[in-house]
C-alpha atoms as a PDB file:
ATOM      1  CA  MET A   1     -32.112 -18.268   0.390  1.00  0.00           C
ATOM      2  CA  ARG A   2     -34.246 -17.822   3.536  1.00  0.00           C
ATOM      3  CA  PRO A   3     -32.589 -15.949   6.411  1.00  0.00           C
ATOM      4  CA  MET A   4     -31.391 -18.174   9.234  1.00  0.00           C
ATOM      5  CA  TYR A   5     -32.801 -15.941  11.971  1.00  0.00           C
ATOM      6  CA  GLY A   6     -36.234 -14.416  12.161  1.00  0.00           C
ATOM      7  CA  SER A   7     -35.808 -11.397  14.407  1.00  0.00           C
ATOM      8  CA  ARG A   8     -33.458  -8.482  14.239  1.00  0.00           C
ATOM      9  CA  SER A   9     -31.902  -9.052  17.669  1.00  0.00           C
ATOM     10  CA  GLU A  10     -31.297 -12.737  16.962  1.00  0.00           C
ATOM     11  CA  THR A  11     -29.564 -11.902  13.683  1.00  0.00           C
ATOM     12  CA  TYR A  12     -27.259  -9.350  15.267  1.00  0.00           C
ATOM     13  CA  ASP A  13     -26.492 -11.507  18.301  1.00  0.00           C
ATOM     14  CA  ALA A  14     -25.775 -14.500  16.081  1.00  0.00           C
ATOM     15  CA  PHE A  15     -23.350 -12.416  14.032  1.00  0.00           C
ATOM     16  CA  LEU A  16     -21.541 -11.212  17.144  1.00  0.00           C
ATOM     17  CA  ALA A  17     -21.281 -14.803  18.344  1.00  0.00           C
ATOM     18  CA  ILE A  18     -19.095 -15.701  15.365  1.00  0.00           C
ATOM     19  CA  ASP A  19     -15.414 -16.050  16.302  1.00  0.00           C
ATOM     20  CA  ARG A  20     -13.476 -12.804  15.919  1.00  0.00           C
ATOM     21  CA  ASN A  21     -11.136 -14.190  13.240  1.00  0.00           C
ATOM     22  CA  ALA A  22     -13.685 -16.323  11.396  1.00  0.00           C
ATOM     23  CA  TYR A  23     -13.807 -13.839   8.526  1.00  0.00           C
ATOM     24  CA  LYS A  24     -15.195 -16.164   5.872  1.00  0.00           C
ATOM     25  CA  GLU A  25     -17.985 -17.224   8.200  1.00  0.00           C
ATOM     26  CA  LYS A  26     -18.857 -13.565   8.847  1.00  0.00           C
ATOM     27  CA  ILE A  27     -19.012 -12.874   5.126  1.00  0.00           C
ATOM     28  CA  ARG A  28     -21.212 -15.909   4.521  1.00  0.00           C
ATOM     29  CA  PHE A  29     -23.525 -14.923   7.388  1.00  0.00           C
ATOM     30  CA  VAL A  30     -24.040 -11.387   6.079  1.00  0.00           C
ATOM     31  CA  GLU A  31     -24.711 -12.590   2.551  1.00  0.00           C
ATOM     32  CA  GLU A  32     -27.197 -15.228   3.731  1.00  0.00           C
ATOM     33  CA  ASN A  33     -29.085 -12.673   5.822  1.00  0.00           C
ATOM     34  CA  ILE A  34     -28.776  -9.665   3.530  1.00  0.00           C
ATOM     35  CA  PHE A  35     -32.526  -8.904   3.465  1.00  0.00           C
ATOM     36  CA  VAL A  36     -32.862  -9.068   7.253  1.00  0.00           C
ATOM     37  CA  LEU A  37     -30.016  -6.582   7.681  1.00  0.00           C
ATOM     38  CA  ARG A  38     -32.093  -3.806   6.154  1.00  0.00           C
ATOM     39  CA  ASP A  39     -34.477  -3.989   9.124  1.00  0.00           C
ATOM     40  CA  LEU A  40     -31.776  -3.892  11.797  1.00  0.00           C
ATOM     41  CA  ASP A  41     -31.421  -1.079  14.274  1.00  0.00           C
ATOM     42  CA  ALA A  42     -29.174   1.643  12.768  1.00  0.00           C
ATOM     43  CA  GLY A  43     -26.405   1.074  15.301  1.00  0.00           C
ATOM     44  CA  ALA A  44     -26.420  -2.702  14.863  1.00  0.00           C
ATOM     45  CA  TYR A  45     -26.452  -2.367  11.088  1.00  0.00           C
ATOM     46  CA  PHE A  46     -23.507   0.043  11.156  1.00  0.00           C
ATOM     47  CA  ASP A  47     -21.530  -2.257  13.460  1.00  0.00           C
ATOM     48  CA  MET A  48     -22.158  -5.256  11.231  1.00  0.00           C
ATOM     49  CA  MET A  49     -21.098  -3.355   8.114  1.00  0.00           C
ATOM     50  CA  VAL A  50     -17.836  -2.281   9.749  1.00  0.00           C
ATOM     51  CA  LEU A  51     -17.066  -5.853  10.808  1.00  0.00           C
ATOM     52  CA  TYR A  52     -18.164  -7.142   7.410  1.00  0.00           C
ATOM     53  CA  GLY A  53     -15.774  -4.704   5.733  1.00  0.00           C
ATOM     54  CA  GLU A  54     -12.967  -5.896   7.965  1.00  0.00           C
ATOM     55  CA  ALA A  55     -13.736  -9.501   7.005  1.00  0.00           C
ATOM     56  CA  LEU A  56     -13.699  -8.634   3.296  1.00  0.00           C
ATOM     57  CA  PHE A  57     -10.344  -6.939   3.662  1.00  0.00           C
ATOM     58  CA  GLU A  58      -8.776  -9.770   5.651  1.00  0.00           C
ATOM     59  CA  THR A  59      -9.887 -12.359   3.085  1.00  0.00           C
ATOM     60  CA  GLY A  60      -8.533 -10.395   0.124  1.00  0.00           C
ATOM     61  CA  GLU A  61     -11.910  -9.252  -1.204  1.00  0.00           C
ATOM     62  CA  TYR A  62     -10.410  -5.849  -1.989  1.00  0.00           C
ATOM     63  CA  GLU A  63     -12.825  -4.755  -4.719  1.00  0.00           C
ATOM     64  CA  ARG A  64     -15.829  -5.407  -2.510  1.00  0.00           C
ATOM     65  CA  GLN A  65     -14.197  -3.823   0.542  1.00  0.00           C
ATOM     66  CA  ALA A  66     -13.411  -0.640  -1.385  1.00  0.00           C
ATOM     67  CA  LYS A  67     -17.059  -0.340  -2.462  1.00  0.00           C
ATOM     68  CA  LEU A  68     -18.406  -1.096   1.017  1.00  0.00           C
ATOM     69  CA  ALA A  69     -16.015   1.464   2.511  1.00  0.00           C
ATOM     70  CA  ASP A  70     -17.902   4.248   0.722  1.00  0.00           C
ATOM     71  CA  HIS A  71     -21.170   3.054   2.262  1.00  0.00           C
ATOM     72  CA  ILE A  72     -19.606   2.942   5.744  1.00  0.00           C
ATOM     73  CA  LEU A  73     -18.138   6.419   5.311  1.00  0.00           C
ATOM     74  CA  GLU A  74     -21.512   7.810   4.218  1.00  0.00           C
ATOM     75  CA  MET A  75     -23.184   6.331   7.301  1.00  0.00           C
ATOM     76  CA  SER A  76     -20.479   7.587   9.666  1.00  0.00           C
ATOM     77  CA  ILE A  77     -20.870  11.123   8.285  1.00  0.00           C
ATOM     78  CA  ALA A  78     -24.679  11.070   8.231  1.00  0.00           C
ATOM     79  CA  ARG A  79     -24.878   9.766  11.799  1.00  0.00           C
ATOM     80  CA  ASN A  80     -21.857  11.693  13.064  1.00  0.00           C
ATOM     81  CA  ILE A  81     -20.136   8.503  14.193  1.00  0.00           C
ATOM     82  CA  VAL A  82     -16.460   9.246  14.878  1.00  0.00           C
ATOM     83  CA  ILE A  83     -15.330   6.594  17.346  1.00  0.00           C
ATOM     84  CA  HIS A  84     -16.504   3.015  16.818  1.00  0.00           C
ATOM     85  CA  ARG A  85     -15.090   0.096  18.808  1.00  0.00           C
ATOM     86  CA  ASP A  86     -12.415   2.443  20.202  1.00  0.00           C
ATOM     87  CA  GLN A  87     -11.202   3.429  16.737  1.00  0.00           C
ATOM     88  CA  ASP A  88     -11.605   6.440  14.483  1.00  0.00           C
ATOM     89  CA  VAL A  89     -13.947   4.668  12.081  1.00  0.00           C
ATOM     90  CA  TYR A  90     -13.651   7.315   9.353  1.00  0.00           C
ATOM     91  CA  PHE A  91      -9.843   7.240   9.364  1.00  0.00           C
ATOM     92  CA  GLU A  92      -9.536   3.455   9.669  1.00  0.00           C
ATOM     93  CA  THR A  93     -12.087   2.800   6.919  1.00  0.00           C
ATOM     94  CA  LEU A  94     -10.292   5.151   4.537  1.00  0.00           C
ATOM     95  CA  PHE A  95      -6.938   3.597   5.405  1.00  0.00           C
ATOM     96  CA  LYS A  96      -8.231   0.098   4.626  1.00  0.00           C
ATOM     97  CA  LYS A  97      -9.796   1.366   1.408  1.00  0.00           C
ATOM     98  CA  ALA A  98      -6.408   2.799   0.364  1.00  0.00           C
ATOM     99  CA  ALA A  99      -4.821  -0.577   1.130  1.00  0.00           C
ATOM    100  CA  SER A 100      -7.454  -2.353  -0.972  1.00  0.00           C
ATOM    101  CA  LEU A 101      -6.886   0.019  -3.899  1.00  0.00           C
ATOM    102  CA  TYR A 102      -3.140  -0.526  -3.568  1.00  0.00           C
ATOM    103  CA  ASN A 103      -3.636  -4.296  -3.763  1.00  0.00           C
ATOM    104  CA  LEU A 104      -5.838  -3.771  -6.830  1.00  0.00           C
ATOM    105  CA  ASP A 105      -2.955  -1.818  -8.428  1.00  0.00           C
ATOM    106  CA  ARG A 106      -5.023   1.391  -8.411  1.00  0.00           C
ATOM    107  CA  LEU A 107      -2.108   3.414  -7.089  1.00  0.00           C
ATOM    108  CA  ASN A 108      -3.314   6.884  -8.054  1.00  0.00           C
ATOM    109  CA  GLU A 109      -6.538   6.411  -6.104  1.00  0.00           C
ATOM    110  CA  ALA A 110      -4.667   5.003  -3.114  1.00  0.00           C
ATOM    111  CA  VAL A 111      -2.257   7.960  -3.143  1.00  0.00           C
ATOM    112  CA  HIS A 112      -5.160  10.422  -3.247  1.00  0.00           C
ATOM    113  CA  ILE A 113      -6.765   8.858  -0.163  1.00  0.00           C
ATOM    114  CA  LEU A 114      -3.486   8.647   1.734  1.00  0.00           C
ATOM    115  CA  LYS A 115      -2.771  12.322   1.087  1.00  0.00           C
ATOM    116  CA  GLU A 116      -6.179  13.173   2.499  1.00  0.00           C
ATOM    117  CA  LEU A 117      -5.405  11.057   5.566  1.00  0.00           C
ATOM    118  CA  VAL A 118      -2.101  12.902   6.039  1.00  0.00           C
ATOM    119  CA  LYS A 119      -4.074  16.146   5.926  1.00  0.00           C
ATOM    120  CA  ILE A 120      -6.323  14.776   8.673  1.00  0.00           C
ATOM    121  CA  ASN A 121      -3.424  13.543  10.809  1.00  0.00           C
ATOM    122  CA  PRO A 122       0.076  14.651   9.685  1.00  0.00           C
ATOM    123  CA  ASP A 123       1.650  12.695  12.563  1.00  0.00           C
ATOM    124  CA  HIS A 124       0.232   9.288  11.619  1.00  0.00           C
ATOM    125  CA  GLU A 125       3.407   7.360  10.794  1.00  0.00           C
ATOM    126  CA  ALA A 126       1.705   4.307   9.250  1.00  0.00           C
ATOM    127  CA  THR A 127      -0.035   6.527   6.710  1.00  0.00           C
ATOM    128  CA  LYS A 128       3.187   8.305   5.792  1.00  0.00           C
ATOM    129  CA  LEU A 129       5.087   5.029   5.407  1.00  0.00           C
ATOM    130  CA  PHE A 130       2.283   3.624   3.253  1.00  0.00           C
ATOM    131  CA  LEU A 131       2.323   6.765   1.097  1.00  0.00           C
ATOM    132  CA  ILE A 132       6.101   6.475   0.688  1.00  0.00           C
ATOM    133  CA  ASN A 133       5.677   2.911  -0.534  1.00  0.00           C
ATOM    134  CA  CYS A 134       3.029   4.040  -3.035  1.00  0.00           C
ATOM    135  CA  PHE A 135       5.337   6.751  -4.357  1.00  0.00           C
ATOM    136  CA  ILE A 136       8.110   4.178  -4.770  1.00  0.00           C
ATOM    137  CA  GLN A 137       5.782   1.906  -6.744  1.00  0.00           C
ATOM    138  CA  GLN A 138       4.629   4.824  -8.893  1.00  0.00           C
ATOM    139  CA  ASN A 139       8.189   5.943  -9.657  1.00  0.00           C
ATOM    140  CA  LYS A 140       9.695   2.575 -10.529  1.00  0.00           C
ATOM    141  CA  ALA A 141       9.735   3.620 -14.169  1.00  0.00           C
ATOM    142  CA  THR A 142      12.223   6.387 -13.326  1.00  0.00           C
ATOM    143  CA  VAL A 143      14.781   3.749 -12.323  1.00  0.00           C
ATOM    144  CA  ARG A 144      14.647   1.919 -15.654  1.00  0.00           C
ATOM    145  CA  PRO A 145      17.299   4.111 -17.345  1.00  0.00           C
ATOM    146  CA  TYR A 146      19.647   3.436 -14.412  1.00  0.00           C
ATOM    147  CA  ARG A 147      18.944  -0.291 -14.641  1.00  0.00           C
ATOM    148  CA  GLY A 148      19.420  -0.306 -18.403  1.00  0.00           C
ATOM    149  CA  LEU A 149      22.783   1.444 -18.228  1.00  0.00           C
ATOM    150  CA  SER A 150      23.802  -0.706 -15.264  1.00  0.00           C
ATOM    151  CA  LEU A 151      23.002  -3.881 -17.203  1.00  0.00           C
ATOM    152  CA  PHE A 152      25.013  -2.559 -20.171  1.00  0.00           C
ATOM    153  CA  LEU A 153      28.032  -1.958 -17.928  1.00  0.00           C
ATOM    154  CA  LEU A 154      27.752  -5.363 -16.253  1.00  0.00           C
ATOM    155  CA  LEU A 155      27.485  -7.110 -19.617  1.00  0.00           C
ATOM    156  CA  GLY A 156      30.503  -5.096 -20.754  1.00  0.00           C
ATOM    157  CA  SER A 157      32.388  -6.325 -17.716  1.00  0.00           C
ATOM    158  CA  ALA A 158      31.469  -9.925 -18.555  1.00  0.00           C
ATOM    159  CA  LEU A 159      32.612  -9.388 -22.153  1.00  0.00           C
ATOM    160  CA  VAL A 160      35.943  -8.007 -20.974  1.00  0.00           C
ATOM    161  CA  ILE A 161      36.410 -11.060 -18.745  1.00  0.00           C
ATOM    162  CA  GLY A 162      35.877 -13.312 -21.768  1.00  0.00           C
ATOM    163  CA  VAL A 163      38.381 -11.341 -23.839  1.00  0.00           C
ATOM    164  CA  GLU A 164      40.864 -11.404 -20.952  1.00  0.00           C
ATOM    165  CA  LEU A 165      40.665 -15.177 -20.557  1.00  0.00           C
ATOM    166  CA  LEU A 166      40.643 -16.095 -24.254  1.00  0.00           C
ATOM    167  CA  VAL A 167      42.911 -13.472 -25.784  1.00  0.00           C
ATOM    168  CA  VAL A 168      44.853 -11.213 -23.443  1.00  0.00           C
ATOM    169  CA  GLN A 169      46.295 -13.843 -21.092  1.00  0.00           C
ATOM    170  CA  ASN A 170      47.368 -16.006 -24.040  1.00  0.00           C
ATOM    171  CA  HIS A 171      48.684 -13.360 -26.444  1.00  0.00           C
ATOM    172  CA  TRP A 172      49.246 -10.083 -24.592  1.00  0.00           C
ATOM    173  CA  PRO A 173      49.888 -10.955 -20.942  1.00  0.00           C
ATOM    174  CA  THR A 174      51.450  -7.539 -20.321  1.00  0.00           C
ATOM    175  CA  TRP A 175      48.029  -5.960 -20.833  1.00  0.00           C
ATOM    176  CA  THR A 176      46.436  -8.067 -18.106  1.00  0.00           C
ATOM    177  CA  GLY A 177      46.676  -5.350 -15.443  1.00  0.00           C
ATOM    178  CA  ILE A 178      45.032  -2.721 -17.653  1.00  0.00           C
ATOM    179  CA  VAL A 179      42.281  -5.114 -18.734  1.00  0.00           C
ATOM    180  CA  GLU A 180      41.593  -6.000 -15.097  1.00  0.00           C
ATOM    181  CA  MET A 181      41.224  -2.312 -14.266  1.00  0.00           C
ATOM    182  CA  VAL A 182      38.770  -1.838 -17.125  1.00  0.00           C
ATOM    183  CA  ARG A 183      36.811  -4.938 -16.126  1.00  0.00           C
ATOM    184  CA  ASN A 184      36.620  -3.930 -12.462  1.00  0.00           C
ATOM    185  CA  GLY A 185      35.714  -0.375 -13.381  1.00  0.00           C
ATOM    186  CA  LEU A 186      32.821  -1.505 -15.553  1.00  0.00           C
ATOM    187  CA  PHE A 187      31.566  -3.913 -12.903  1.00  0.00           C
ATOM    188  CA  ILE A 188      31.776  -1.438 -10.019  1.00  0.00           C
ATOM    189  CA  SER A 189      30.196   1.326 -12.093  1.00  0.00           C
ATOM    190  CA  GLY A 190      27.307  -0.952 -13.024  1.00  0.00           C
ATOM    191  CA  VAL A 191      26.648  -1.951  -9.417  1.00  0.00           C
ATOM    192  CA  VAL A 192      26.973   1.622  -8.114  1.00  0.00           C
ATOM    193  CA  LEU A 193      24.607   2.934 -10.783  1.00  0.00           C
ATOM    194  CA  LEU A 194      22.019   0.279  -9.991  1.00  0.00           C
ATOM    195  CA  VAL A 195      22.163   0.961  -6.246  1.00  0.00           C
ATOM    196  CA  ALA A 196      22.259   4.735  -6.749  1.00  0.00           C
ATOM    197  CA  GLY A 197      19.091   4.664  -8.856  1.00  0.00           C
ATOM    198  CA  GLU A 198      17.187   2.792  -6.137  1.00  0.00           C
ATOM    199  CA  ILE A 199      18.510   5.033  -3.362  1.00  0.00           C
ATOM    200  CA  ILE A 200      17.675   8.250  -5.224  1.00  0.00           C
ATOM    201  CA  MET A 201      14.130   7.063  -5.985  1.00  0.00           C
ATOM    202  CA  ARG A 202      13.496   6.013  -2.387  1.00  0.00           C
ATOM    203  CA  TYR A 203      15.043   9.179  -0.967  1.00  0.00           C
ATOM    204  CA  ARG A 204      12.826  11.350  -3.156  1.00  0.00           C
ATOM    205  CA  ALA A 205       9.734   9.400  -2.061  1.00  0.00           C
ATOM    206  CA  VAL A 206      10.613   9.887   1.615  1.00  0.00           C
ATOM    207  CA  GLU A 207      11.426  13.550   1.080  1.00  0.00           C
ATOM    208  CA  ASP A 208       8.191  14.227  -0.834  1.00  0.00           C
ATOM    209  CA  VAL A 209       6.022  12.613   1.838  1.00  0.00           C
ATOM    210  CA  TYR A 210       7.664  14.274   4.807  1.00  0.00           C
ATOM    211  CA  LEU A 211       7.692  17.688   3.145  1.00  0.00           C
ATOM    212  CA  PHE A 212       4.003  17.255   2.340  1.00  0.00           C
ATOM    213  CA  SER A 213       3.352  16.200   5.935  1.00  0.00           C
ATOM    214  CA  LYS A 214       5.350  19.117   7.322  1.00  0.00           C
ATOM    215  CA  ASP A 215       3.559  21.664   5.127  1.00  0.00           C
ATOM    216  CA  THR A 216       0.177  20.172   6.002  1.00  0.00           C
ATOM    217  CA  LYS A 217       0.928  20.286   9.726  1.00  0.00           C
ATOM    218  CA  LYS A 218       2.066  23.891   9.449  1.00  0.00           C
ATOM    219  CA  ARG A 219      -1.141  24.917   7.657  1.00  0.00           C
ATOM    220  CA  LYS A 220      -3.262  23.142  10.271  1.00  0.00           C
ATOM    221  CA  GLU A 221      -1.423  24.915  13.093  1.00  0.00           C
ATOM    222  CA  GLU A 222      -1.849  28.290  11.369  1.00  0.00           C
ATOM    223  CA  ALA A 223      -5.554  27.612  10.855  1.00  0.00           C
ATOM    224  CA  ASP A 224      -5.974  26.785  14.555  1.00  0.00           C
ATOM    225  CA  VAL A 225      -4.394  30.059  15.683  1.00  0.00           C
END
């Protein structure tokens, strides 16, 4: 397809003229003018790639955004670009890449990036909360034994209710109180076990992240002395 604009300045200006939230239009524009982009001024090209990456992320093109993020990071390092459009472009690009990997269910890679971001800025709360959520997703398997035992107890409670209604109340009414205690005990134990498993998993995730953040911050402070 022939590019829509002949000169470099026209191409860049036309891209900037696209509405801020018209992400699909930005993606289409870049792809239609891909060969012209190679001849753009370095600053204009970098700006367009950052905005293009944002558009990919916002439209759910996570695989493509993750790949483009590496290109943006390479350019920011090579050209020593730290602040771009009032943001730390290196940090923000890595954060979005971690989010893309998370949405692609590539949790280990997302965790690796988020840990590196915590090392860069141990006080960045959004990164720590995101890392906690990743740890929770990674450790869901540890809750399965709790859920299995909880389900067993709840089913046992339901079975006891059936026995109570069909047998005990009709033939051994004096045992009703004891059966109710057993039924309630099974039910409460099942619910408590289920909740406890979730709480323990989430508490450990929070503890692991904040201990990692604390240790990282301490090492940074010691290095700066």
